[in-house]
Every structure is written in structure tokens, then in C-alpha cells.
């Protein structure tokens, strides 16, 4: 059975949400989150969240875990097939969610919440907010004409971006300037699988 190392309010929500959407049997290894002073400080095999164990395989990084689960257990659900026309767009959004959109949010979270030294580096904080808003503008323009990232149908790319948008909301970057994105996030967080994944 799949085993997920999980703590609330971490990237492991992405994987728990995916498992709930796919209705895959899994075991949750609940781990208390340690407020970070350094990276790799969590009580998981890699010192970070999430980590998935599948037999002998131990894998980290939410995007990699998401792709692995879809390939091994998705049975064609929540992702276009390898040869499908939307496959490239799907992969682009999966990796945009973490690599581009979350990166500046990570700066805001690290200095504003964990280190508490944001006021000492205002230039860096302002730059991170500007980069986060630039990413949100990309999302906002895209969602003006569609319900989900790939069109009318929900996909696992929405799971990846949904967590990022929740984080953007928490740090105050996702505000009323992004009505389409806020409506999209409301659709995502209303999903029963999301509700189950975030119940704790």
C-alpha cells in the first residue's frame, strides 16, 4: 500500500488530495511539522514533505510524486496521455505551479514566518512579492476563459497549482486584483477530495 508522510499545511496536501481524487488506498504517516530554522529538518526519510513510499521506492518532491502516482495508478485519470495534444500544456502547468509560482512565495514564507526577519530585507521581500504577482497575472489571464487549467475538466495540474494559490492567499499576495483566480480557487477548495485532504 502507498504510504505518505504527511503534515498539515505542507506540500504533502497535494499528494493527499491526489490520492483522495483517485480514491487510491493509502496509509498516512502523520508527522508533526517542525518549525523550520534550517531545511531538511522534518522527521521524514528526506527531511522534507512530502515523501511517498511504494514498496522499495522512496520518492520526494511533490511534482515527481504526482507524476509517478498518475503513471502507476492513475489509469488515465486526471492527466492527458503521453501522446495526447494537451500533454505538454499539462506538464507545463504542473511544473509552473512549483518552479515558477511557488518560488517567490517560498521567500515570503521563509522570511516572514519561519525566520521572522522580513523587515530586515525589504528589497528582497518586495522583489518576491513582485515576482509572485507576475506569476498570478499569468494565471489570471489564463483562467479568464476557462474553468480549469486545461479547459472544462479538472486535472492533477489543478492540484499542483491549487496548493500554491492557497499559499499565495496565506501570505496576502492573492487578493481581489485576481477575480478569475479567486473564483478558480473557490472551485478547487470546494471539491470533496480537497476537503478530505485538508480536514486536519
N, C-alpha and C. Protein backbone atom coordinates (compact mmCIF):
# COMPACT_ATOMS: atom_id res chain seq x y z
N UNK A 1 0.85 -1.20 0.00
CA UNK A 1 0.00 0.00 0.00
C UNK A 1 0.88 1.25 0.00
N UNK A 2 0.43 2.26 -0.69
CA UNK A 2 1.15 3.53 -0.72
C UNK A 2 1.15 4.15 0.67
N UNK A 3 2.30 4.70 1.05
CA UNK A 3 2.43 5.35 2.35
C UNK A 3 2.91 6.78 2.12
N UNK A 4 2.18 7.73 2.67
CA UNK A 4 2.50 9.14 2.51
C UNK A 4 2.87 9.75 3.85
N UNK A 5 4.06 10.32 3.92
CA UNK A 5 4.44 11.12 5.08
C UNK A 5 3.76 12.47 4.94
N UNK A 6 2.99 12.83 5.96
CA UNK A 6 2.09 13.97 5.82
C UNK A 6 2.07 14.85 7.06
N UNK A 7 2.04 16.15 6.82
CA UNK A 7 1.76 17.14 7.87
C UNK A 7 0.85 18.19 7.26
N UNK A 8 -0.12 18.67 8.03
CA UNK A 8 -1.00 19.73 7.51
C UNK A 8 -0.20 20.96 7.08
N UNK A 9 -0.76 21.68 6.11
CA UNK A 9 -0.21 22.95 5.63
C UNK A 9 1.15 22.80 4.97
N UNK A 10 1.49 21.59 4.54
CA UNK A 10 2.71 21.38 3.78
C UNK A 10 2.35 20.88 2.38
N UNK A 11 3.35 20.75 1.53
CA UNK A 11 3.12 20.29 0.16
C UNK A 11 2.56 18.87 0.12
N UNK A 12 2.61 18.16 1.22
CA UNK A 12 2.03 16.81 1.22
C UNK A 12 0.52 16.85 1.00
N UNK A 13 -0.08 18.02 1.21
CA UNK A 13 -1.51 18.17 0.90
C UNK A 13 -1.77 17.86 -0.57
N UNK A 14 -0.85 18.28 -1.44
CA UNK A 14 -1.02 17.99 -2.87
C UNK A 14 -1.21 16.50 -3.11
N UNK A 15 -0.36 15.71 -2.47
CA UNK A 15 -0.38 14.27 -2.72
C UNK A 15 -1.58 13.63 -2.04
N UNK A 16 -1.89 14.07 -0.85
CA UNK A 16 -3.08 13.54 -0.18
C UNK A 16 -4.34 13.85 -0.99
N UNK A 17 -4.40 15.05 -1.53
CA UNK A 17 -5.53 15.47 -2.37
C UNK A 17 -5.62 14.58 -3.60
N UNK A 18 -4.47 14.35 -4.26
CA UNK A 18 -4.46 13.49 -5.45
C UNK A 18 -4.94 12.08 -5.11
N UNK A 19 -4.45 11.53 -4.01
CA UNK A 19 -4.86 10.18 -3.60
C UNK A 19 -6.36 10.12 -3.33
N UNK A 20 -6.89 11.19 -2.75
CA UNK A 20 -8.34 11.24 -2.49
C UNK A 20 -9.12 11.36 -3.79
N UNK A 21 -8.65 12.17 -4.72
CA UNK A 21 -9.34 12.31 -6.01
C UNK A 21 -9.37 10.97 -6.75
N UNK A 22 -8.27 10.25 -6.69
CA UNK A 22 -8.18 8.96 -7.39
C UNK A 22 -8.77 7.81 -6.58
N UNK A 23 -9.13 8.09 -5.33
CA UNK A 23 -9.67 7.08 -4.42
C UNK A 23 -8.73 5.88 -4.31
N UNK A 24 -7.45 6.18 -4.14
CA UNK A 24 -6.45 5.12 -4.00
C UNK A 24 -6.23 4.80 -2.53
N UNK A 25 -6.25 3.52 -2.18
CA UNK A 25 -5.94 3.15 -0.80
C UNK A 25 -4.53 3.62 -0.44
N UNK A 26 -4.38 4.16 0.75
CA UNK A 26 -3.07 4.63 1.18
C UNK A 26 -3.03 4.72 2.70
N UNK A 27 -1.81 4.74 3.20
CA UNK A 27 -1.57 4.91 4.63
C UNK A 27 -0.96 6.29 4.84
N UNK A 28 -1.47 7.01 5.81
CA UNK A 28 -0.89 8.31 6.16
C UNK A 28 0.05 8.12 7.34
N UNK A 29 1.29 8.51 7.17
CA UNK A 29 2.22 8.57 8.28
C UNK A 29 2.24 10.02 8.74
N UNK A 30 1.45 10.30 9.76
CA UNK A 30 1.33 11.68 10.22
C UNK A 30 2.57 12.07 11.00
N UNK A 31 3.16 13.17 10.59
CA UNK A 31 4.40 13.65 11.19
C UNK A 31 4.17 15.08 11.66
N UNK A 32 4.58 15.36 12.87
CA UNK A 32 4.43 16.73 13.37
C UNK A 32 5.41 17.64 12.66
N UNK A 33 4.90 18.74 12.14
CA UNK A 33 5.76 19.69 11.43
C UNK A 33 6.64 20.43 12.43
N UNK A 34 7.93 20.48 12.12
CA UNK A 34 8.88 21.21 12.97
C UNK A 34 9.10 22.59 12.37
N UNK A 35 8.80 23.65 13.11
CA UNK A 35 9.07 25.00 12.58
C UNK A 35 10.51 25.07 12.11
N UNK A 36 10.67 25.52 10.89
CA UNK A 36 11.98 25.42 10.24
C UNK A 36 12.90 26.56 10.60
N UNK A 37 14.08 26.20 11.06
CA UNK A 37 15.19 27.14 11.15
C UNK A 37 16.21 26.82 10.05
N UNK A 38 16.23 25.54 9.67
CA UNK A 38 17.04 25.10 8.55
C UNK A 38 16.16 24.20 7.69
N UNK A 39 16.61 23.91 6.49
CA UNK A 39 15.87 22.98 5.64
C UNK A 39 16.20 21.54 6.04
N UNK A 40 15.43 20.60 5.52
CA UNK A 40 15.64 19.17 5.77
C UNK A 40 15.57 18.84 7.26
N UNK A 41 14.63 19.48 7.96
CA UNK A 41 14.52 19.31 9.41
C UNK A 41 13.37 18.41 9.83
N UNK A 42 12.59 17.91 8.89
CA UNK A 42 11.38 17.15 9.24
C UNK A 42 11.70 15.67 9.46
N UNK A 43 10.87 15.02 10.25
CA UNK A 43 11.08 13.61 10.57
C UNK A 43 10.50 12.71 9.49
N UNK A 44 11.05 12.84 8.29
CA UNK A 44 10.68 12.01 7.15
C UNK A 44 11.96 11.45 6.53
N UNK A 45 11.86 10.48 5.62
CA UNK A 45 13.08 9.91 5.04
C UNK A 45 14.00 10.93 4.36
N UNK A 46 13.44 12.02 3.83
CA UNK A 46 14.26 13.04 3.18
C UNK A 46 14.34 14.34 3.98
N UNK A 47 13.73 14.35 5.15
CA UNK A 47 13.77 15.57 5.96
C UNK A 47 12.86 16.67 5.46
N UNK A 48 11.98 16.35 4.54
CA UNK A 48 11.07 17.33 3.95
C UNK A 48 9.72 16.66 3.69
N UNK A 49 8.75 17.47 3.31
CA UNK A 49 7.43 16.96 2.88
C UNK A 49 7.23 17.32 1.42
N UNK A 50 6.54 16.46 0.65
CA UNK A 50 6.06 15.12 1.01
C UNK A 50 7.10 14.07 0.70
N UNK A 51 6.88 12.88 1.26
CA UNK A 51 7.62 11.68 0.87
C UNK A 51 6.60 10.57 0.69
N UNK A 52 6.72 9.84 -0.40
CA UNK A 52 5.86 8.69 -0.69
C UNK A 52 6.71 7.43 -0.68
N UNK A 53 6.19 6.39 -0.06
CA UNK A 53 6.84 5.08 -0.08
C UNK A 53 5.91 4.12 -0.81
N UNK A 54 6.45 3.45 -1.82
CA UNK A 54 5.70 2.44 -2.57
C UNK A 54 6.60 1.22 -2.70
N UNK A 55 6.44 0.27 -1.78
CA UNK A 55 7.33 -0.89 -1.76
C UNK A 55 8.75 -0.45 -1.45
N UNK A 56 9.67 -0.74 -2.36
CA UNK A 56 11.08 -0.37 -2.16
C UNK A 56 11.37 1.07 -2.57
N UNK A 57 10.43 1.69 -3.28
CA UNK A 57 10.66 3.05 -3.76
C UNK A 57 10.32 4.06 -2.69
N UNK A 58 11.24 4.99 -2.48
CA UNK A 58 11.01 6.14 -1.61
C UNK A 58 11.27 7.37 -2.47
N UNK A 59 10.24 8.22 -2.61
CA UNK A 59 10.34 9.33 -3.55
C UNK A 59 9.84 10.62 -2.89
N UNK A 60 10.56 11.70 -3.16
CA UNK A 60 10.17 13.02 -2.67
C UNK A 60 9.86 13.94 -3.84
N UNK A 61 9.58 15.21 -3.52
CA UNK A 61 9.22 16.26 -4.47
C UNK A 61 7.78 16.05 -4.96
N UNK A 62 6.94 17.00 -4.65
CA UNK A 62 5.51 16.83 -4.91
C UNK A 62 5.19 16.62 -6.39
N UNK A 63 5.87 17.35 -7.28
CA UNK A 63 5.61 17.17 -8.71
C UNK A 63 6.00 15.78 -9.19
N UNK A 64 7.15 15.30 -8.73
CA UNK A 64 7.61 13.97 -9.12
C UNK A 64 6.67 12.89 -8.58
N UNK A 65 6.25 13.04 -7.33
CA UNK A 65 5.33 12.06 -6.73
C UNK A 65 4.01 12.06 -7.50
N UNK A 66 3.51 13.25 -7.81
CA UNK A 66 2.25 13.36 -8.54
C UNK A 66 2.34 12.64 -9.89
N UNK A 67 3.41 12.89 -10.64
CA UNK A 67 3.56 12.22 -11.93
C UNK A 67 3.69 10.71 -11.76
N UNK A 68 4.43 10.28 -10.74
CA UNK A 68 4.60 8.84 -10.51
C UNK A 68 3.26 8.17 -10.22
N UNK A 69 2.49 8.76 -9.32
CA UNK A 69 1.19 8.16 -8.98
C UNK A 69 0.28 8.09 -10.20
N UNK A 70 0.26 9.16 -10.99
CA UNK A 70 -0.58 9.16 -12.18
C UNK A 70 -0.15 8.07 -13.17
N UNK A 71 1.16 7.92 -13.35
CA UNK A 71 1.66 6.92 -14.30
C UNK A 71 1.41 5.50 -13.81
N UNK A 72 1.59 5.27 -12.52
CA UNK A 72 1.50 3.92 -11.99
C UNK A 72 0.07 3.50 -11.63
N UNK A 73 -0.72 4.47 -11.15
CA UNK A 73 -2.01 4.12 -10.58
C UNK A 73 -3.18 4.96 -11.09
N UNK A 74 -2.91 5.91 -11.95
CA UNK A 74 -3.97 6.82 -12.39
C UNK A 74 -4.95 6.23 -13.37
N UNK A 75 -4.52 5.21 -14.11
CA UNK A 75 -5.39 4.55 -15.10
C UNK A 75 -6.02 5.56 -16.06
N UNK A 76 -5.22 6.55 -16.47
CA UNK A 76 -5.69 7.54 -17.43
C UNK A 76 -6.49 8.68 -16.84
N UNK A 77 -6.66 8.70 -15.53
CA UNK A 77 -7.44 9.75 -14.89
C UNK A 77 -6.58 10.95 -14.52
N UNK A 78 -7.15 12.13 -14.62
CA UNK A 78 -6.58 13.40 -14.14
C UNK A 78 -5.34 13.88 -14.88
N UNK A 79 -5.03 13.27 -16.02
CA UNK A 79 -3.89 13.73 -16.81
C UNK A 79 -4.05 13.26 -18.25
N UNK A 80 -3.72 14.12 -19.22
CA UNK A 80 -3.73 13.65 -20.62
C UNK A 80 -2.67 12.57 -20.81
N UNK A 81 -2.94 11.65 -21.70
CA UNK A 81 -1.97 10.61 -22.00
C UNK A 81 -0.70 11.18 -22.63
N UNK A 82 0.35 10.38 -22.67
CA UNK A 82 1.65 10.83 -23.17
C UNK A 82 1.55 11.38 -24.59
N UNK A 83 0.73 10.79 -25.41
CA UNK A 83 0.61 11.22 -26.81
C UNK A 83 -0.54 12.22 -27.03
N UNK A 84 -1.24 12.60 -25.98
CA UNK A 84 -2.39 13.50 -26.12
C UNK A 84 -1.94 14.92 -26.42
N UNK A 85 -2.73 15.67 -27.20
CA UNK A 85 -2.35 17.04 -27.56
C UNK A 85 -2.10 17.95 -26.36
N UNK A 86 -2.79 17.74 -25.26
CA UNK A 86 -2.65 18.62 -24.10
C UNK A 86 -1.57 18.18 -23.12
N UNK A 87 -0.82 17.13 -23.46
CA UNK A 87 0.18 16.62 -22.52
C UNK A 87 1.23 17.68 -22.18
N UNK A 88 1.72 18.38 -23.19
CA UNK A 88 2.74 19.40 -22.95
C UNK A 88 2.22 20.51 -22.05
N UNK A 89 1.01 20.97 -22.32
CA UNK A 89 0.41 22.03 -21.50
C UNK A 89 0.21 21.55 -20.07
N UNK A 90 -0.21 20.31 -19.91
CA UNK A 90 -0.37 19.73 -18.58
C UNK A 90 0.95 19.77 -17.81
N UNK A 91 2.02 19.29 -18.43
CA UNK A 91 3.32 19.27 -17.76
C UNK A 91 3.80 20.68 -17.45
N UNK A 92 3.55 21.59 -18.36
CA UNK A 92 3.97 22.98 -18.13
C UNK A 92 3.32 23.54 -16.88
N UNK A 93 2.02 23.32 -16.69
CA UNK A 93 1.32 23.85 -15.52
C UNK A 93 1.73 23.11 -14.24
N UNK A 94 1.96 21.80 -14.34
CA UNK A 94 2.43 21.05 -13.17
C UNK A 94 3.71 21.67 -12.62
N UNK A 95 4.64 21.99 -13.51
CA UNK A 95 5.94 22.50 -13.07
C UNK A 95 5.94 24.01 -12.86
N UNK A 96 5.08 24.74 -13.53
CA UNK A 96 4.90 26.16 -13.26
C UNK A 96 4.44 26.36 -11.81
N UNK A 97 3.55 25.51 -11.35
CA UNK A 97 2.97 25.65 -10.01
C UNK A 97 4.04 25.69 -8.93
N UNK A 98 5.05 24.86 -9.05
CA UNK A 98 6.11 24.81 -8.04
C UNK A 98 7.32 25.64 -8.45
N UNK A 99 7.81 25.43 -9.67
CA UNK A 99 9.06 26.05 -10.09
C UNK A 99 8.99 27.55 -10.28
N UNK A 100 7.87 28.06 -10.78
CA UNK A 100 7.74 29.49 -11.04
C UNK A 100 6.86 30.18 -10.00
N UNK A 101 5.65 29.68 -9.81
CA UNK A 101 4.69 30.39 -8.96
C UNK A 101 5.01 30.27 -7.48
N UNK A 102 5.49 29.09 -7.03
CA UNK A 102 5.73 28.95 -5.60
C UNK A 102 7.07 29.54 -5.17
N UNK A 103 8.03 29.64 -6.07
CA UNK A 103 9.37 30.08 -5.67
C UNK A 103 9.37 31.40 -4.90
N UNK A 104 8.74 32.48 -5.41
CA UNK A 104 8.74 33.72 -4.62
C UNK A 104 7.91 33.62 -3.35
N UNK A 105 6.88 32.79 -3.36
CA UNK A 105 6.09 32.59 -2.14
C UNK A 105 6.96 31.93 -1.07
N UNK A 106 7.84 31.05 -1.50
CA UNK A 106 8.75 30.41 -0.56
C UNK A 106 9.63 31.42 0.16
N UNK A 107 10.06 32.45 -0.56
CA UNK A 107 10.86 33.52 0.06
C UNK A 107 10.03 34.23 1.12
N UNK A 108 8.78 34.56 0.78
CA UNK A 108 7.91 35.27 1.72
C UNK A 108 7.61 34.43 2.95
N UNK A 109 7.38 33.14 2.75
CA UNK A 109 7.09 32.24 3.86
C UNK A 109 8.33 32.05 4.74
N UNK A 110 9.46 31.83 4.09
CA UNK A 110 10.70 31.57 4.83
C UNK A 110 11.07 32.75 5.73
N UNK A 111 11.03 33.95 5.15
CA UNK A 111 11.47 35.12 5.93
C UNK A 111 10.34 35.72 6.78
N UNK A 112 9.12 35.59 6.31
CA UNK A 112 8.02 36.18 7.05
C UNK A 112 7.50 35.32 8.18
N UNK A 113 7.57 33.99 8.01
CA UNK A 113 7.00 33.08 9.00
C UNK A 113 8.09 32.33 9.78
N UNK A 114 9.03 31.69 9.07
CA UNK A 114 9.99 30.84 9.76
C UNK A 114 11.13 31.63 10.41
N UNK A 115 11.74 32.52 9.65
CA UNK A 115 12.88 33.27 10.20
C UNK A 115 12.44 34.57 10.89
N UNK A 116 11.32 35.12 10.48
CA UNK A 116 10.83 36.34 11.11
C UNK A 116 11.72 37.54 10.91
N UNK A 117 12.45 37.57 9.81
CA UNK A 117 13.37 38.69 9.58
C UNK A 117 13.03 39.49 8.32
N UNK A 118 11.78 39.41 7.88
CA UNK A 118 11.39 40.07 6.63
C UNK A 118 11.64 41.57 6.66
N UNK A 119 11.45 42.18 7.84
CA UNK A 119 11.62 43.64 7.93
C UNK A 119 13.08 44.06 7.74
N UNK A 120 14.00 43.13 7.86
CA UNK A 120 15.42 43.45 7.68
C UNK A 120 15.85 43.43 6.22
N UNK A 121 15.01 42.81 5.37
CA UNK A 121 15.37 42.68 3.95
C UNK A 121 14.21 43.16 3.07
N UNK A 122 13.79 44.40 3.22
CA UNK A 122 12.61 44.87 2.49
C UNK A 122 12.75 44.80 0.98
N UNK A 123 13.94 45.01 0.46
CA UNK A 123 14.13 44.98 -1.00
C UNK A 123 13.87 43.56 -1.53
N UNK A 124 14.40 42.57 -0.83
CA UNK A 124 14.19 41.18 -1.25
C UNK A 124 12.73 40.78 -1.12
N UNK A 125 12.07 41.22 -0.06
CA UNK A 125 10.67 40.90 0.15
C UNK A 125 9.80 41.55 -0.92
N UNK A 126 10.07 42.81 -1.22
CA UNK A 126 9.30 43.49 -2.28
C UNK A 126 9.51 42.81 -3.63
N UNK A 127 10.74 42.39 -3.91
CA UNK A 127 11.03 41.70 -5.17
C UNK A 127 10.28 40.38 -5.25
N UNK A 128 10.22 39.66 -4.13
CA UNK A 128 9.49 38.38 -4.11
C UNK A 128 8.01 38.62 -4.33
N UNK A 129 7.45 39.65 -3.72
CA UNK A 129 6.02 39.96 -3.94
C UNK A 129 5.76 40.31 -5.40
N UNK A 130 6.66 41.08 -6.00
CA UNK A 130 6.50 41.44 -7.41
C UNK A 130 6.54 40.20 -8.30
N UNK A 131 7.47 39.29 -8.02
CA UNK A 131 7.57 38.06 -8.82
C UNK A 131 6.33 37.18 -8.62
N UNK A 132 5.85 37.13 -7.39
CA UNK A 132 4.63 36.34 -7.12
C UNK A 132 3.44 36.92 -7.87
N UNK A 133 3.32 38.23 -7.88
CA UNK A 133 2.20 38.87 -8.58
C UNK A 133 2.32 38.69 -10.09
N UNK A 134 3.54 38.69 -10.61
CA UNK A 134 3.73 38.43 -12.05
C UNK A 134 3.23 37.04 -12.42
N UNK A 135 3.53 36.06 -11.56
CA UNK A 135 3.05 34.70 -11.81
C UNK A 135 1.53 34.63 -11.72
N UNK A 136 0.95 35.34 -10.76
CA UNK A 136 -0.50 35.35 -10.62
C UNK A 136 -1.17 36.02 -11.82
N UNK A 137 -0.52 37.00 -12.40
CA UNK A 137 -1.09 37.64 -13.59
C UNK A 137 -1.15 36.66 -14.76
N UNK A 138 -0.15 35.80 -14.87
CA UNK A 138 -0.17 34.75 -15.90
C UNK A 138 -1.37 33.83 -15.67
N UNK A 139 -1.56 33.41 -14.43
CA UNK A 139 -2.67 32.53 -14.09
C UNK A 139 -4.00 33.23 -14.35
N UNK A 140 -4.11 34.48 -13.93
CA UNK A 140 -5.36 35.23 -14.08
C UNK A 140 -5.77 35.34 -15.55
N UNK A 141 -4.82 35.70 -16.41
CA UNK A 141 -5.14 35.81 -17.85
C UNK A 141 -5.60 34.47 -18.41
N UNK A 142 -4.94 33.41 -17.98
CA UNK A 142 -5.27 32.08 -18.49
C UNK A 142 -6.66 31.64 -18.07
N UNK A 143 -7.03 31.96 -16.84
CA UNK A 143 -8.31 31.48 -16.29
C UNK A 143 -9.50 32.35 -16.66
N UNK A 144 -9.27 33.44 -17.35
CA UNK A 144 -10.39 34.29 -17.75
C UNK A 144 -11.33 33.59 -18.73
N UNK A 145 -10.83 32.59 -19.42
CA UNK A 145 -11.63 31.92 -20.45
C UNK A 145 -11.85 30.43 -20.19
N UNK A 146 -11.55 29.97 -18.99
CA UNK A 146 -11.71 28.54 -18.72
C UNK A 146 -11.94 28.30 -17.23
N UNK A 147 -12.53 27.18 -16.91
CA UNK A 147 -12.80 26.82 -15.51
C UNK A 147 -11.59 26.22 -14.83
N UNK A 148 -10.82 25.44 -15.59
CA UNK A 148 -9.63 24.78 -15.04
C UNK A 148 -8.46 25.02 -15.99
N UNK A 149 -7.27 24.62 -15.58
CA UNK A 149 -6.07 24.94 -16.35
C UNK A 149 -6.12 24.38 -17.77
N UNK A 150 -6.69 23.18 -17.93
CA UNK A 150 -6.73 22.56 -19.26
C UNK A 150 -8.06 22.77 -19.96
N UNK A 151 -8.95 23.55 -19.38
CA UNK A 151 -10.25 23.81 -20.00
C UNK A 151 -11.39 23.49 -19.06
N UNK A 152 -12.38 22.73 -19.53
CA UNK A 152 -13.55 22.46 -18.68
C UNK A 152 -13.34 21.35 -17.66
N UNK A 153 -12.28 20.56 -17.82
CA UNK A 153 -12.09 19.38 -16.96
C UNK A 153 -10.98 19.60 -15.94
N UNK A 154 -11.24 19.22 -14.71
CA UNK A 154 -10.26 19.24 -13.63
C UNK A 154 -9.15 18.24 -13.93
N UNK A 155 -7.90 18.59 -13.61
CA UNK A 155 -6.78 17.67 -13.78
C UNK A 155 -5.83 17.79 -12.59
N UNK A 156 -4.84 16.93 -12.57
CA UNK A 156 -3.85 16.97 -11.49
C UNK A 156 -3.01 18.24 -11.52
N UNK A 157 -2.93 18.91 -12.66
CA UNK A 157 -2.24 20.21 -12.70
C UNK A 157 -2.94 21.21 -11.79
N UNK A 158 -4.26 21.10 -11.69
CA UNK A 158 -5.02 21.98 -10.80
C UNK A 158 -4.69 21.70 -9.33
N UNK A 159 -4.38 20.47 -9.02
CA UNK A 159 -3.96 20.13 -7.65
C UNK A 159 -2.65 20.83 -7.34
N UNK A 160 -1.71 20.75 -8.25
CA UNK A 160 -0.41 21.40 -8.03
C UNK A 160 -0.57 22.90 -7.83
N UNK A 161 -1.32 23.54 -8.72
CA UNK A 161 -1.47 24.98 -8.62
C UNK A 161 -2.37 25.38 -7.46
N UNK A 162 -3.37 24.56 -7.16
CA UNK A 162 -4.28 24.89 -6.06
C UNK A 162 -3.55 25.10 -4.75
N UNK A 163 -2.61 24.22 -4.43
CA UNK A 163 -1.84 24.38 -3.19
C UNK A 163 -1.05 25.69 -3.22
N UNK A 164 -0.45 25.99 -4.36
CA UNK A 164 0.32 27.23 -4.50
C UNK A 164 -0.56 28.44 -4.26
N UNK A 165 -1.78 28.42 -4.79
CA UNK A 165 -2.69 29.55 -4.62
C UNK A 165 -3.16 29.70 -3.18
N UNK A 166 -3.33 28.60 -2.48
CA UNK A 166 -3.66 28.69 -1.05
C UNK A 166 -2.52 29.39 -0.32
N UNK A 167 -1.29 29.02 -0.64
CA UNK A 167 -0.14 29.67 -0.02
C UNK A 167 -0.10 31.16 -0.36
N UNK A 168 -0.42 31.51 -1.61
CA UNK A 168 -0.44 32.91 -2.02
C UNK A 168 -1.49 33.69 -1.23
N UNK A 169 -2.59 33.04 -0.94
CA UNK A 169 -3.64 33.65 -0.13
C UNK A 169 -3.15 33.89 1.30
N UNK A 170 -2.46 32.91 1.84
CA UNK A 170 -1.98 32.99 3.22
C UNK A 170 -1.02 34.16 3.40
N UNK A 171 -0.14 34.40 2.43
CA UNK A 171 0.84 35.48 2.57
C UNK A 171 0.32 36.81 2.02
N UNK A 172 -0.95 36.84 1.61
CA UNK A 172 -1.58 38.09 1.21
C UNK A 172 -1.29 38.57 -0.19
N UNK A 173 -0.77 37.70 -1.03
CA UNK A 173 -0.46 38.10 -2.41
C UNK A 173 -1.67 37.90 -3.32
N UNK A 174 -2.42 36.82 -3.10
CA UNK A 174 -3.63 36.57 -3.89
C UNK A 174 -4.77 37.37 -3.27
N UNK A 175 -5.10 38.50 -3.91
CA UNK A 175 -6.13 39.38 -3.37
C UNK A 175 -7.19 39.65 -4.43
N UNK A 176 -7.97 40.68 -4.24
CA UNK A 176 -9.11 40.96 -5.12
C UNK A 176 -8.71 41.41 -6.51
N UNK A 177 -7.43 41.64 -6.74
CA UNK A 177 -6.98 42.00 -8.09
C UNK A 177 -7.06 40.83 -9.06
N UNK A 178 -7.32 39.64 -8.55
CA UNK A 178 -7.32 38.43 -9.38
C UNK A 178 -8.66 37.72 -9.26
N UNK A 179 -9.73 38.28 -9.79
CA UNK A 179 -11.06 37.68 -9.60
C UNK A 179 -11.20 36.29 -10.21
N UNK A 180 -10.67 36.09 -11.41
CA UNK A 180 -10.79 34.76 -12.05
C UNK A 180 -10.03 33.71 -11.25
N UNK A 181 -8.88 34.09 -10.74
CA UNK A 181 -8.07 33.15 -9.96
C UNK A 181 -8.74 32.84 -8.63
N UNK A 182 -9.33 33.84 -8.00
CA UNK A 182 -10.05 33.60 -6.75
C UNK A 182 -11.26 32.70 -6.96
N UNK A 183 -11.98 32.89 -8.05
CA UNK A 183 -13.13 32.02 -8.35
C UNK A 183 -12.67 30.59 -8.61
N UNK A 184 -11.57 30.46 -9.33
CA UNK A 184 -10.98 29.14 -9.61
C UNK A 184 -10.58 28.45 -8.30
N UNK A 185 -9.93 29.18 -7.42
CA UNK A 185 -9.51 28.59 -6.15
C UNK A 185 -10.73 28.16 -5.33
N UNK A 186 -11.78 28.94 -5.37
CA UNK A 186 -13.01 28.56 -4.65
C UNK A 186 -13.57 27.24 -5.20
N UNK A 187 -13.51 27.07 -6.53
CA UNK A 187 -13.98 25.80 -7.12
C UNK A 187 -13.11 24.63 -6.64
N UNK A 188 -11.81 24.87 -6.57
CA UNK A 188 -10.90 23.80 -6.15
C UNK A 188 -11.13 23.41 -4.70
N UNK A 189 -11.21 24.40 -3.83
CA UNK A 189 -11.31 24.11 -2.40
C UNK A 189 -12.69 23.57 -2.01
N UNK A 190 -13.66 23.71 -2.90
CA UNK A 190 -14.99 23.14 -2.64
C UNK A 190 -15.06 21.66 -3.00
N UNK A 191 -14.05 21.14 -3.67
CA UNK A 191 -14.08 19.74 -4.07
C UNK A 191 -14.03 18.83 -2.84
N UNK A 192 -14.85 17.79 -2.81
CA UNK A 192 -14.84 16.88 -1.65
C UNK A 192 -13.46 16.30 -1.34
N UNK A 193 -12.69 15.97 -2.39
CA UNK A 193 -11.36 15.39 -2.16
C UNK A 193 -10.44 16.40 -1.48
N UNK A 194 -10.53 17.66 -1.86
CA UNK A 194 -9.74 18.69 -1.19
C UNK A 194 -10.16 18.81 0.27
N UNK A 195 -11.46 18.80 0.50
CA UNK A 195 -11.97 18.91 1.87
C UNK A 195 -11.45 17.75 2.72
N UNK A 196 -11.44 16.55 2.17
CA UNK A 196 -10.93 15.41 2.93
C UNK A 196 -9.42 15.54 3.18
N UNK A 197 -8.71 16.02 2.17
CA UNK A 197 -7.25 16.14 2.28
C UNK A 197 -6.82 17.18 3.29
N UNK A 198 -7.67 18.15 3.56
CA UNK A 198 -7.31 19.24 4.46
C UNK A 198 -8.13 19.23 5.75
N UNK A 199 -8.79 18.13 6.01
CA UNK A 199 -9.70 18.07 7.18
C UNK A 199 -8.97 18.28 8.49
N UNK A 200 -7.67 17.93 8.53
CA UNK A 200 -6.91 18.12 9.78
C UNK A 200 -6.04 19.37 9.72
